[in-house]
PDB file of N, CA and C in Angstrom:
ATOM      1  N   MET A   1      30.883 -25.963 -39.605  1.00  0.00           N
ATOM      2  CA  MET A   1      31.390 -27.246 -39.151  1.00  0.00           C
ATOM      3  C   MET A   1      31.072 -28.297 -40.206  1.00  0.00           C
ATOM      4  N   ARG A   2      32.095 -29.008 -40.593  1.00  0.00           N
ATOM      5  CA  ARG A   2      31.892 -30.092 -41.560  1.00  0.00           C
ATOM      6  C   ARG A   2      31.862 -31.424 -40.829  1.00  0.00           C
ATOM      7  N   GLN A   3      30.971 -32.294 -41.275  1.00  0.00           N
ATOM      8  CA  GLN A   3      30.841 -33.597 -40.637  1.00  0.00           C
ATOM      9  C   GLN A   3      32.145 -34.387 -40.748  1.00  0.00           C
ATOM     10  N   THR A   4      32.869 -34.227 -41.839  1.00  0.00           N
ATOM     11  CA  THR A   4      34.135 -34.954 -41.983  1.00  0.00           C
ATOM     12  C   THR A   4      35.139 -34.529 -40.905  1.00  0.00           C
ATOM     13  N   ASP A   5      35.101 -33.269 -40.492  1.00  0.00           N
ATOM     14  CA  ASP A   5      35.988 -32.809 -39.426  1.00  0.00           C
ATOM     15  C   ASP A   5      35.634 -33.487 -38.098  1.00  0.00           C
ATOM     16  N   VAL A   6      34.340 -33.633 -37.837  1.00  0.00           N
ATOM     17  CA  VAL A   6      33.891 -34.288 -36.606  1.00  0.00           C
ATOM     18  C   VAL A   6      34.321 -35.747 -36.614  1.00  0.00           C
ATOM     19  N   TRP A   7      34.143 -36.430 -37.740  1.00  0.00           N
ATOM     20  CA  TRP A   7      34.535 -37.843 -37.817  1.00  0.00           C
ATOM     21  C   TRP A   7      36.038 -38.000 -37.699  1.00  0.00           C
ATOM     22  N   ARG A   8      36.791 -37.063 -38.212  1.00  0.00           N
ATOM     23  CA  ARG A   8      38.250 -37.105 -38.064  1.00  0.00           C
ATOM     24  C   ARG A   8      38.611 -37.003 -36.585  1.00  0.00           C
ATOM     25  N   SER A   9      37.945 -36.119 -35.868  1.00  0.00           N
ATOM     26  CA  SER A   9      38.190 -35.985 -34.431  1.00  0.00           C
ATOM     27  C   SER A   9      37.802 -37.264 -33.689  1.00  0.00           C
ATOM     28  N   CYS A  10      36.682 -37.853 -34.064  1.00  0.00           N
ATOM     29  CA  CYS A  10      36.263 -39.119 -33.441  1.00  0.00           C
ATOM     30  C   CYS A  10      37.289 -40.212 -33.707  1.00  0.00           C
ATOM     31  N   ASN A  11      37.832 -40.240 -34.904  1.00  0.00           N
ATOM     32  CA  ASN A  11      38.844 -41.241 -35.229  1.00  0.00           C
ATOM     33  C   ASN A  11      40.123 -41.021 -34.432  1.00  0.00           C
ATOM     34  N   LYS A  12      40.465 -39.774 -34.139  1.00  0.00           N
ATOM     35  CA  LYS A  12      41.622 -39.492 -33.291  1.00  0.00           C
ATOM     36  C   LYS A  12      41.379 -40.031 -31.879  1.00  0.00           C
ATOM     37  N   ILE A  13      40.161 -39.869 -31.393  1.00  0.00           N
ATOM     38  CA  ILE A  13      39.831 -40.391 -30.064  1.00  0.00           C
ATOM     39  C   ILE A  13      39.863 -41.915 -30.079  1.00  0.00           C
ATOM     40  N   ARG A  14      39.298 -42.527 -31.114  1.00  0.00           N
ATOM     41  CA  ARG A  14      39.334 -43.996 -31.230  1.00  0.00           C
ATOM     42  C   ARG A  14      40.776 -44.509 -31.221  1.00  0.00           C
ATOM     43  N   ALA A  15      41.644 -43.827 -31.945  1.00  0.00           N
ATOM     44  CA  ALA A  15      43.053 -44.229 -31.982  1.00  0.00           C
ATOM     45  C   ALA A  15      43.674 -44.131 -30.592  1.00  0.00           C
ATOM     46  N   ALA A  16      43.316 -43.088 -29.852  1.00  0.00           N
ATOM     47  CA  ALA A  16      43.830 -42.928 -28.494  1.00  0.00           C
ATOM     48  C   ALA A  16      43.322 -44.033 -27.583  1.00  0.00           C
ATOM     49  N   VAL A  17      42.051 -44.404 -27.755  1.00  0.00           N
ATOM     50  CA  VAL A  17      41.469 -45.498 -26.969  1.00  0.00           C
ATOM     51  C   VAL A  17      42.235 -46.785 -27.255  1.00  0.00           C
ATOM     52  N   PHE A  18      42.493 -47.055 -28.510  1.00  0.00           N
ATOM     53  CA  PHE A  18      43.218 -48.262 -28.888  1.00  0.00           C
ATOM     54  C   PHE A  18      44.655 -48.227 -28.370  1.00  0.00           C
ATOM     55  N   ARG A  19      45.294 -47.083 -28.523  1.00  0.00           N
ATOM     56  CA  ARG A  19      46.710 -46.936 -28.176  1.00  0.00           C
ATOM     57  C   ARG A  19      46.952 -46.924 -26.664  1.00  0.00           C
ATOM     58  N   THR A  20      46.101 -46.224 -25.919  1.00  0.00           N
ATOM     59  CA  THR A  20      46.356 -46.015 -24.491  1.00  0.00           C
ATOM     60  C   THR A  20      45.360 -46.706 -23.567  1.00  0.00           C
ATOM     61  N   GLY A  21      44.232 -47.154 -24.118  1.00  0.00           N
ATOM     62  CA  GLY A  21      43.211 -47.782 -23.289  1.00  0.00           C
ATOM     63  C   GLY A  21      42.348 -46.794 -22.521  1.00  0.00           C
ATOM     64  N   VAL A  22      42.451 -45.503 -22.847  1.00  0.00           N
ATOM     65  CA  VAL A  22      41.662 -44.485 -22.159  1.00  0.00           C
ATOM     66  C   VAL A  22      40.167 -44.763 -22.375  1.00  0.00           C
ATOM     67  N   ASP A  23      39.386 -44.569 -21.332  1.00  0.00           N
ATOM     68  CA  ASP A  23      37.937 -44.772 -21.386  1.00  0.00           C
ATOM     69  C   ASP A  23      37.269 -43.430 -21.101  1.00  0.00           C
ATOM     70  N   LEU A  24      36.640 -42.864 -22.121  1.00  0.00           N
ATOM     71  CA  LEU A  24      35.979 -41.567 -21.960  1.00  0.00           C
ATOM     72  C   LEU A  24      34.975 -41.576 -20.828  1.00  0.00           C
ATOM     73  N   ARG A  25      34.244 -42.676 -20.696  1.00  0.00           N
ATOM     74  CA  ARG A  25      33.209 -42.751 -19.657  1.00  0.00           C
ATOM     75  C   ARG A  25      33.809 -42.582 -18.260  1.00  0.00           C
ATOM     76  N   ARG A  26      34.974 -43.134 -18.055  1.00  0.00           N
ATOM     77  CA  ARG A  26      35.633 -43.036 -16.744  1.00  0.00           C
ATOM     78  C   ARG A  26      35.850 -41.575 -16.338  1.00  0.00           C
ATOM     79  N   TRP A  27      36.062 -40.720 -17.317  1.00  0.00           N
ATOM     80  CA  TRP A  27      36.319 -39.308 -17.055  1.00  0.00           C
ATOM     81  C   TRP A  27      35.055 -38.458 -17.087  1.00  0.00           C
ATOM     82  N   LEU A  28      34.082 -38.828 -17.929  1.00  0.00           N
ATOM     83  CA  LEU A  28      32.900 -37.991 -18.114  1.00  0.00           C
ATOM     84  C   LEU A  28      31.747 -38.343 -17.175  1.00  0.00           C
ATOM     85  N   GLN A  29      31.518 -39.622 -16.920  1.00  0.00           N
ATOM     86  CA  GLN A  29      30.383 -40.022 -16.085  1.00  0.00           C
ATOM     87  C   GLN A  29      30.400 -39.432 -14.677  1.00  0.00           C
ATOM     88  N   PRO A  30      31.542 -39.318 -14.010  1.00  0.00           N
ATOM     89  CA  PRO A  30      31.509 -38.736 -12.657  1.00  0.00           C
ATOM     90  C   PRO A  30      30.960 -37.301 -12.630  1.00  0.00           C
ATOM     91  N   LEU A  31      31.002 -36.614 -13.748  1.00  0.00           N
ATOM     92  CA  LEU A  31      30.467 -35.258 -13.828  1.00  0.00           C
ATOM     93  C   LEU A  31      28.958 -35.257 -14.056  1.00  0.00           C
ATOM     94  N   ASP A  32      28.388 -36.440 -14.214  1.00  0.00           N
ATOM     95  CA  ASP A  32      26.959 -36.617 -14.485  1.00  0.00           C
ATOM     96  C   ASP A  32      26.366 -37.562 -13.434  1.00  0.00           C
ATOM     97  N   PRO A  33      26.251 -37.121 -12.179  1.00  0.00           N
ATOM     98  CA  PRO A  33      25.810 -38.025 -11.113  1.00  0.00           C
ATOM     99  C   PRO A  33      24.405 -38.581 -11.304  1.00  0.00           C
ATOM    100  N   ARG A  34      23.560 -37.885 -12.044  1.00  0.00           N
ATOM    101  CA  ARG A  34      22.191 -38.378 -12.292  1.00  0.00           C
ATOM    102  C   ARG A  34      22.128 -39.295 -13.500  1.00  0.00           C
ATOM    103  N   ARG A  35      23.242 -39.474 -14.185  1.00  0.00           N
ATOM    104  CA  ARG A  35      23.351 -40.354 -15.365  1.00  0.00           C
ATOM    105  C   ARG A  35      22.329 -39.996 -16.445  1.00  0.00           C
ATOM    106  N   THR A  36      22.283 -38.703 -16.767  1.00  0.00           N
ATOM    107  CA  THR A  36      21.370 -38.234 -17.811  1.00  0.00           C
ATOM    108  C   THR A  36      21.979 -38.367 -19.199  1.00  0.00           C
ATOM    109  N   GLY A  37      23.310 -38.536 -19.274  1.00  0.00           N
ATOM    110  CA  GLY A  37      23.984 -38.583 -20.569  1.00  0.00           C
ATOM    111  C   GLY A  37      24.349 -37.209 -21.090  1.00  0.00           C
ATOM    112  N   LEU A  38      24.139 -36.187 -20.261  1.00  0.00           N
ATOM    113  CA  LEU A  38      24.379 -34.799 -20.657  1.00  0.00           C
ATOM    114  C   LEU A  38      25.352 -34.122 -19.699  1.00  0.00           C
ATOM    115  N   LEU A  39      26.204 -33.272 -20.269  1.00  0.00           N
ATOM    116  CA  LEU A  39      27.111 -32.441 -19.480  1.00  0.00           C
ATOM    117  C   LEU A  39      27.056 -31.023 -20.014  1.00  0.00           C
ATOM    118  N   SER A  40      27.413 -30.076 -19.174  1.00  0.00           N
ATOM    119  CA  SER A  40      27.566 -28.720 -19.685  1.00  0.00           C
ATOM    120  C   SER A  40      28.754 -28.706 -20.641  1.00  0.00           C
ATOM    121  N   GLU A  41      28.757 -27.741 -21.530  1.00  0.00           N
ATOM    122  CA  GLU A  41      29.875 -27.651 -22.471  1.00  0.00           C
ATOM    123  C   GLU A  41      31.190 -27.450 -21.719  1.00  0.00           C
ATOM    124  N   SER A  42      31.167 -26.657 -20.674  1.00  0.00           N
ATOM    125  CA  SER A  42      32.412 -26.407 -19.932  1.00  0.00           C
ATOM    126  C   SER A  42      32.932 -27.685 -19.271  1.00  0.00           C
ATOM    127  N   GLN A  43      32.050 -28.536 -18.775  1.00  0.00           N
ATOM    128  CA  GLN A  43      32.481 -29.812 -18.201  1.00  0.00           C
ATOM    129  C   GLN A  43      33.100 -30.704 -19.275  1.00  0.00           C
ATOM    130  N   PHE A  44      32.432 -30.788 -20.409  1.00  0.00           N
ATOM    131  CA  PHE A  44      32.891 -31.615 -21.526  1.00  0.00           C
ATOM    132  C   PHE A  44      34.271 -31.152 -21.988  1.00  0.00           C
ATOM    133  N   VAL A  45      34.397 -29.862 -22.204  1.00  0.00           N
ATOM    134  CA  VAL A  45      35.663 -29.293 -22.681  1.00  0.00           C
ATOM    135  C   VAL A  45      36.756 -29.465 -21.630  1.00  0.00           C
ATOM    136  N   SER A  46      36.414 -29.291 -20.369  1.00  0.00           N
ATOM    137  CA  SER A  46      37.433 -29.380 -19.318  1.00  0.00           C
ATOM    138  C   SER A  46      38.088 -30.756 -19.263  1.00  0.00           C
ATOM    139  N   VAL A  47      37.356 -31.799 -19.594  1.00  0.00           N
ATOM    140  CA  VAL A  47      37.927 -33.151 -19.594  1.00  0.00           C
ATOM    141  C   VAL A  47      38.794 -33.370 -20.828  1.00  0.00           C
ATOM    142  N   LEU A  48      38.262 -33.031 -22.007  1.00  0.00           N
ATOM    143  CA  LEU A  48      39.026 -33.285 -23.243  1.00  0.00           C
ATOM    144  C   LEU A  48      40.235 -32.365 -23.376  1.00  0.00           C
ATOM    145  N   ALA A  49      40.140 -31.160 -22.845  1.00  0.00           N
ATOM    146  CA  ALA A  49      41.255 -30.216 -22.928  1.00  0.00           C
ATOM    147  C   ALA A  49      42.139 -30.271 -21.687  1.00  0.00           C
ATOM    148  N   GLY A  50      41.704 -31.020 -20.685  1.00  0.00           N
ATOM    149  CA  GLY A  50      42.450 -31.114 -19.434  1.00  0.00           C
ATOM    150  C   GLY A  50      43.165 -32.447 -19.315  1.00  0.00           C
ATOM    151  N   PRO A  51      42.641 -33.340 -18.464  1.00  0.00           N
ATOM    152  CA  PRO A  51      43.353 -34.587 -18.184  1.00  0.00           C
ATOM    153  C   PRO A  51      43.536 -35.501 -19.393  1.00  0.00           C
ATOM    154  N   LEU A  52      42.659 -35.407 -20.388  1.00  0.00           N
ATOM    155  CA  LEU A  52      42.779 -36.280 -21.570  1.00  0.00           C
ATOM    156  C   LEU A  52      43.476 -35.604 -22.751  1.00  0.00           C
ATOM    157  N   ARG A  53      43.932 -34.401 -22.553  1.00  0.00           N
ATOM    158  CA  ARG A  53      44.505 -33.621 -23.662  1.00  0.00           C
ATOM    159  C   ARG A  53      45.630 -34.361 -24.379  1.00  0.00           C
ATOM    160  N   ALA A  54      46.586 -34.867 -23.633  1.00  0.00           N
ATOM    161  CA  ALA A  54      47.726 -35.555 -24.248  1.00  0.00           C
ATOM    162  C   ALA A  54      47.293 -36.848 -24.934  1.00  0.00           C
ATOM    163  N   ALA A  55      46.359 -37.560 -24.325  1.00  0.00           N
ATOM    164  CA  ALA A  55      45.929 -38.845 -24.893  1.00  0.00           C
ATOM    165  C   ALA A  55      45.153 -38.669 -26.191  1.00  0.00           C
ATOM    166  N   VAL A  56      44.180 -37.751 -26.208  1.00  0.00           N
ATOM    167  CA  VAL A  56      43.331 -37.614 -27.394  1.00  0.00           C
ATOM    168  C   VAL A  56      43.910 -36.680 -28.444  1.00  0.00           C
ATOM    169  N   ALA A  57      44.804 -35.787 -28.040  1.00  0.00           N
ATOM    170  CA  ALA A  57      45.505 -34.878 -28.961  1.00  0.00           C
ATOM    171  C   ALA A  57      44.567 -34.096 -29.880  1.00  0.00           C
ATOM    172  N   LEU A  58      43.512 -33.531 -29.296  1.00  0.00           N
ATOM    173  CA  LEU A  58      42.584 -32.699 -30.058  1.00  0.00           C
ATOM    174  C   LEU A  58      42.883 -31.228 -29.819  1.00  0.00           C
ATOM    175  N   SER A  59      42.750 -30.435 -30.861  1.00  0.00           N
ATOM    176  CA  SER A  59      42.914 -28.993 -30.725  1.00  0.00           C
ATOM    177  C   SER A  59      41.658 -28.410 -30.073  1.00  0.00           C
ATOM    178  N   ALA A  60      41.755 -27.176 -29.643  1.00  0.00           N
ATOM    179  CA  ALA A  60      40.599 -26.484 -29.069  1.00  0.00           C
ATOM    180  C   ALA A  60      39.464 -26.407 -30.086  1.00  0.00           C
ATOM    181  N   ASP A  61      39.801 -26.179 -31.354  1.00  0.00           N
ATOM    182  CA  ASP A  61      38.773 -26.132 -32.404  1.00  0.00           C
ATOM    183  C   ASP A  61      38.098 -27.483 -32.586  1.00  0.00           C
ATOM    184  N   GLU A  62      38.862 -28.553 -32.546  1.00  0.00           N
ATOM    185  CA  GLU A  62      38.278 -29.891 -32.697  1.00  0.00           C
ATOM    186  C   GLU A  62      37.353 -30.219 -31.526  1.00  0.00           C
ATOM    187  N   ILE A  63      37.754 -29.853 -30.330  1.00  0.00           N
ATOM    188  CA  ILE A  63      36.899 -30.078 -29.157  1.00  0.00           C
ATOM    189  C   ILE A  63      35.617 -29.270 -29.273  1.00  0.00           C
ATOM    190  N   ALA A  64      35.722 -28.026 -29.707  1.00  0.00           N
ATOM    191  CA  ALA A  64      34.535 -27.177 -29.887  1.00  0.00           C
ATOM    192  C   ALA A  64      33.603 -27.758 -30.949  1.00  0.00           C
ATOM    193  N   GLN A  65      34.169 -28.310 -32.023  1.00  0.00           N
ATOM    194  CA  GLN A  65      33.346 -28.921 -33.065  1.00  0.00           C
ATOM    195  C   GLN A  65      32.605 -30.150 -32.537  1.00  0.00           C
ATOM    196  N   LEU A  66      33.280 -30.940 -31.713  1.00  0.00           N
ATOM    197  CA  LEU A  66      32.610 -32.097 -31.105  1.00  0.00           C
ATOM    198  C   LEU A  66      31.470 -31.636 -30.204  1.00  0.00           C
ATOM    199  N   ALA A  67      31.722 -30.621 -29.398  1.00  0.00           N
ATOM    200  CA  ALA A  67      30.672 -30.094 -28.515  1.00  0.00           C
ATOM    201  C   ALA A  67      29.493 -29.591 -29.335  1.00  0.00           C
ATOM    202  N   ASP A  68      29.759 -28.890 -30.428  1.00  0.00           N
ATOM    203  CA  ASP A  68      28.675 -28.404 -31.296  1.00  0.00           C
ATOM    204  C   ASP A  68      27.902 -29.562 -31.913  1.00  0.00           C
ATOM    205  N   TYR A  69      28.617 -30.562 -32.383  1.00  0.00           N
ATOM    206  CA  TYR A  69      27.974 -31.690 -33.067  1.00  0.00           C
ATOM    207  C   TYR A  69      27.079 -32.488 -32.118  1.00  0.00           C
ATOM    208  N   PHE A  70      27.528 -32.676 -30.877  1.00  0.00           N
ATOM    209  CA  PHE A  70      26.783 -33.481 -29.915  1.00  0.00           C
ATOM    210  C   PHE A  70      25.935 -32.623 -28.967  1.00  0.00           C
ATOM    211  N   ARG A  71      25.665 -31.383 -29.353  1.00  0.00           N
ATOM    212  CA  ARG A  71      24.890 -30.469 -28.514  1.00  0.00           C
ATOM    213  C   ARG A  71      23.405 -30.830 -28.532  1.00  0.00           C
ATOM    214  N   ALA A  72      22.810 -30.873 -27.348  1.00  0.00           N
ATOM    215  CA  ALA A  72      21.368 -31.089 -27.196  1.00  0.00           C
ATOM    216  C   ALA A  72      20.655 -29.751 -27.358  1.00  0.00           C
ATOM    217  N   ALA A  73      19.349 -29.800 -27.470  1.00  0.00           N
ATOM    218  CA  ALA A  73      18.552 -28.585 -27.665  1.00  0.00           C
ATOM    219  C   ALA A  73      18.713 -27.589 -26.519  1.00  0.00           C
ATOM    220  N   ASP A  74      18.997 -28.086 -25.318  1.00  0.00           N
ATOM    221  CA  ASP A  74      19.141 -27.180 -24.174  1.00  0.00           C
ATOM    222  C   ASP A  74      20.560 -26.626 -24.015  1.00  0.00           C
ATOM    223  N   GLY A  75      21.450 -26.951 -24.949  1.00  0.00           N
ATOM    224  CA  GLY A  75      22.809 -26.417 -24.922  1.00  0.00           C
ATOM    225  C   GLY A  75      23.836 -27.328 -24.287  1.00  0.00           C
ATOM    226  N   ARG A  76      23.377 -28.357 -23.584  1.00  0.00           N
ATOM    227  CA  ARG A  76      24.328 -29.294 -22.988  1.00  0.00           C
ATOM    228  C   ARG A  76      24.841 -30.264 -24.059  1.00  0.00           C
ATOM    229  N   VAL A  77      25.892 -30.992 -23.716  1.00  0.00           N
ATOM    230  CA  VAL A  77      26.533 -31.904 -24.665  1.00  0.00           C
ATOM    231  C   VAL A  77      26.119 -33.340 -24.342  1.00  0.00           C
ATOM    232  N   LEU A  78      25.705 -34.060 -25.383  1.00  0.00           N
ATOM    233  CA  LEU A  78      25.301 -35.458 -25.256  1.00  0.00           C
ATOM    234  C   LEU A  78      26.549 -36.350 -25.246  1.00  0.00           C
ATOM    235  N   TYR A  79      27.255 -36.331 -24.130  1.00  0.00           N
ATOM    236  CA  TYR A  79      28.504 -37.084 -24.055  1.00  0.00           C
ATOM    237  C   TYR A  79      28.265 -38.583 -24.186  1.00  0.00           C
ATOM    238  N   GLN A  80      27.113 -39.046 -23.751  1.00  0.00           N
ATOM    239  CA  GLN A  80      26.771 -40.464 -23.819  1.00  0.00           C
ATOM    240  C   GLN A  80      26.786 -40.944 -25.268  1.00  0.00           C
ATOM    241  N   GLN A  81      26.289 -40.140 -26.190  1.00  0.00           N
ATOM    242  CA  GLN A  81      26.301 -40.527 -27.602  1.00  0.00           C
ATOM    243  C   GLN A  81      27.726 -40.610 -28.136  1.00  0.00           C
ATOM    244  N   LEU A  82      28.576 -39.689 -27.731  1.00  0.00           N
ATOM    245  CA  LEU A  82      29.975 -39.746 -28.138  1.00  0.00           C
ATOM    246  C   LEU A  82      30.623 -41.011 -27.592  1.00  0.00           C
ATOM    247  N   CYS A  83      30.378 -41.344 -26.336  1.00  0.00           N
ATOM    248  CA  CYS A  83      30.954 -42.549 -25.749  1.00  0.00           C
ATOM    249  C   CYS A  83      30.481 -43.805 -26.474  1.00  0.00           C
ATOM    250  N   GLU A  84      29.199 -43.856 -26.823  1.00  0.00           N
ATOM    251  CA  GLU A  84      28.684 -45.004 -27.571  1.00  0.00           C
ATOM    252  C   GLU A  84      29.351 -45.102 -28.935  1.00  0.00           C
ATOM    253  N   LEU A  85      29.546 -43.976 -29.580  1.00  0.00           N
ATOM    254  CA  LEU A  85      30.191 -43.954 -30.888  1.00  0.00           C
ATOM    255  C   LEU A  85      31.643 -44.424 -30.783  1.00  0.00           C
ATOM    256  N   ILE A  86      32.348 -43.954 -29.790  1.00  0.00           N
ATOM    257  CA  ILE A  86      33.760 -44.283 -29.628  1.00  0.00           C
ATOM    258  C   ILE A  86      33.956 -45.701 -29.112  1.00  0.00           C
ATOM    259  N   HIS A  87      33.219 -46.079 -28.088  1.00  0.00           N
ATOM    260  CA  HIS A  87      33.430 -47.361 -27.432  1.00  0.00           C
ATOM    261  C   HIS A  87      32.510 -48.463 -27.946  1.00  0.00           C
ATOM    262  N   GLY A  88      31.486 -48.102 -28.715  1.00  0.00           N
ATOM    263  CA  GLY A  88      30.623 -49.101 -29.336  1.00  0.00           C
ATOM    264  C   GLY A  88      29.678 -49.820 -28.405  1.00  0.00           C
ATOM    265  N   GLN A  89      29.327 -49.214 -27.288  1.00  0.00           N
ATOM    266  CA  GLN A  89      28.380 -49.850 -26.387  1.00  0.00           C
ATOM    267  C   GLN A  89      27.626 -48.799 -25.600  1.00  0.00           C
ATOM    268  N   SER A  90      26.479 -49.200 -25.104  1.00  0.00           N
ATOM    269  CA  SER A  90      25.640 -48.281 -24.339  1.00  0.00           C
ATOM    270  C   SER A  90      26.145 -48.171 -22.912  1.00  0.00           C
ATOM    271  N   ILE A  91      25.806 -47.053 -22.297  1.00  0.00           N
ATOM    272  CA  ILE A  91      26.050 -46.888 -20.874  1.00  0.00           C
ATOM    273  C   ILE A  91      24.699 -46.806 -20.191  1.00  0.00           C
ATOM    274  N   VAL A  92      24.647 -47.149 -18.932  1.00  0.00           N
ATOM    275  CA  VAL A  92      23.388 -47.152 -18.205  1.00  0.00           C
ATOM    276  C   VAL A  92      23.046 -45.733 -17.779  1.00  0.00           C
ATOM    277  N   LEU A  93      21.880 -45.287 -18.181  1.00  0.00           N
ATOM    278  CA  LEU A  93      21.395 -43.961 -17.833  1.00  0.00           C
ATOM    279  C   LEU A  93      20.123 -44.092 -17.020  1.00  0.00           C
ATOM    280  N   HIS A  94      19.858 -43.102 -16.224  1.00  0.00           N
ATOM    281  CA  HIS A  94      18.622 -43.065 -15.446  1.00  0.00           C
ATOM    282  C   HIS A  94      17.730 -41.961 -16.007  1.00  0.00           C
ATOM    283  N   THR A  95      16.434 -42.198 -16.015  1.00  0.00           N
ATOM    284  CA  THR A  95      15.501 -41.157 -16.390  1.00  0.00           C
ATOM    285  C   THR A  95      14.680 -40.802 -15.155  1.00  0.00           C
ATOM    286  N   PHE A  96      14.491 -39.541 -14.941  1.00  0.00           N
ATOM    287  CA  PHE A  96      13.767 -39.076 -13.769  1.00  0.00           C
ATOM    288  C   PHE A  96      12.539 -38.336 -14.187  1.00  0.00           C
TER     289      PHE A  96
END
């Protein structure tokens, strides 16, 4: 995985946000009821390859690269970091 490929994918998402107004948090946060900022890879992929597929226009390989890049040590995906990168602001998380 090359970092330039990940940034290219992020730029595609940014363009979709600008073009369509899509908000990643609106789709990802409901899958994280405890607001940990983490999702399983299957949850993450299901959103980007499912309801947001047409808007973000990412290939399966690009989605997999994003999941790998934002993967936490326990294997889950740090979707909160991606949202901050794309939308430029923090989201409220809870720590337990």
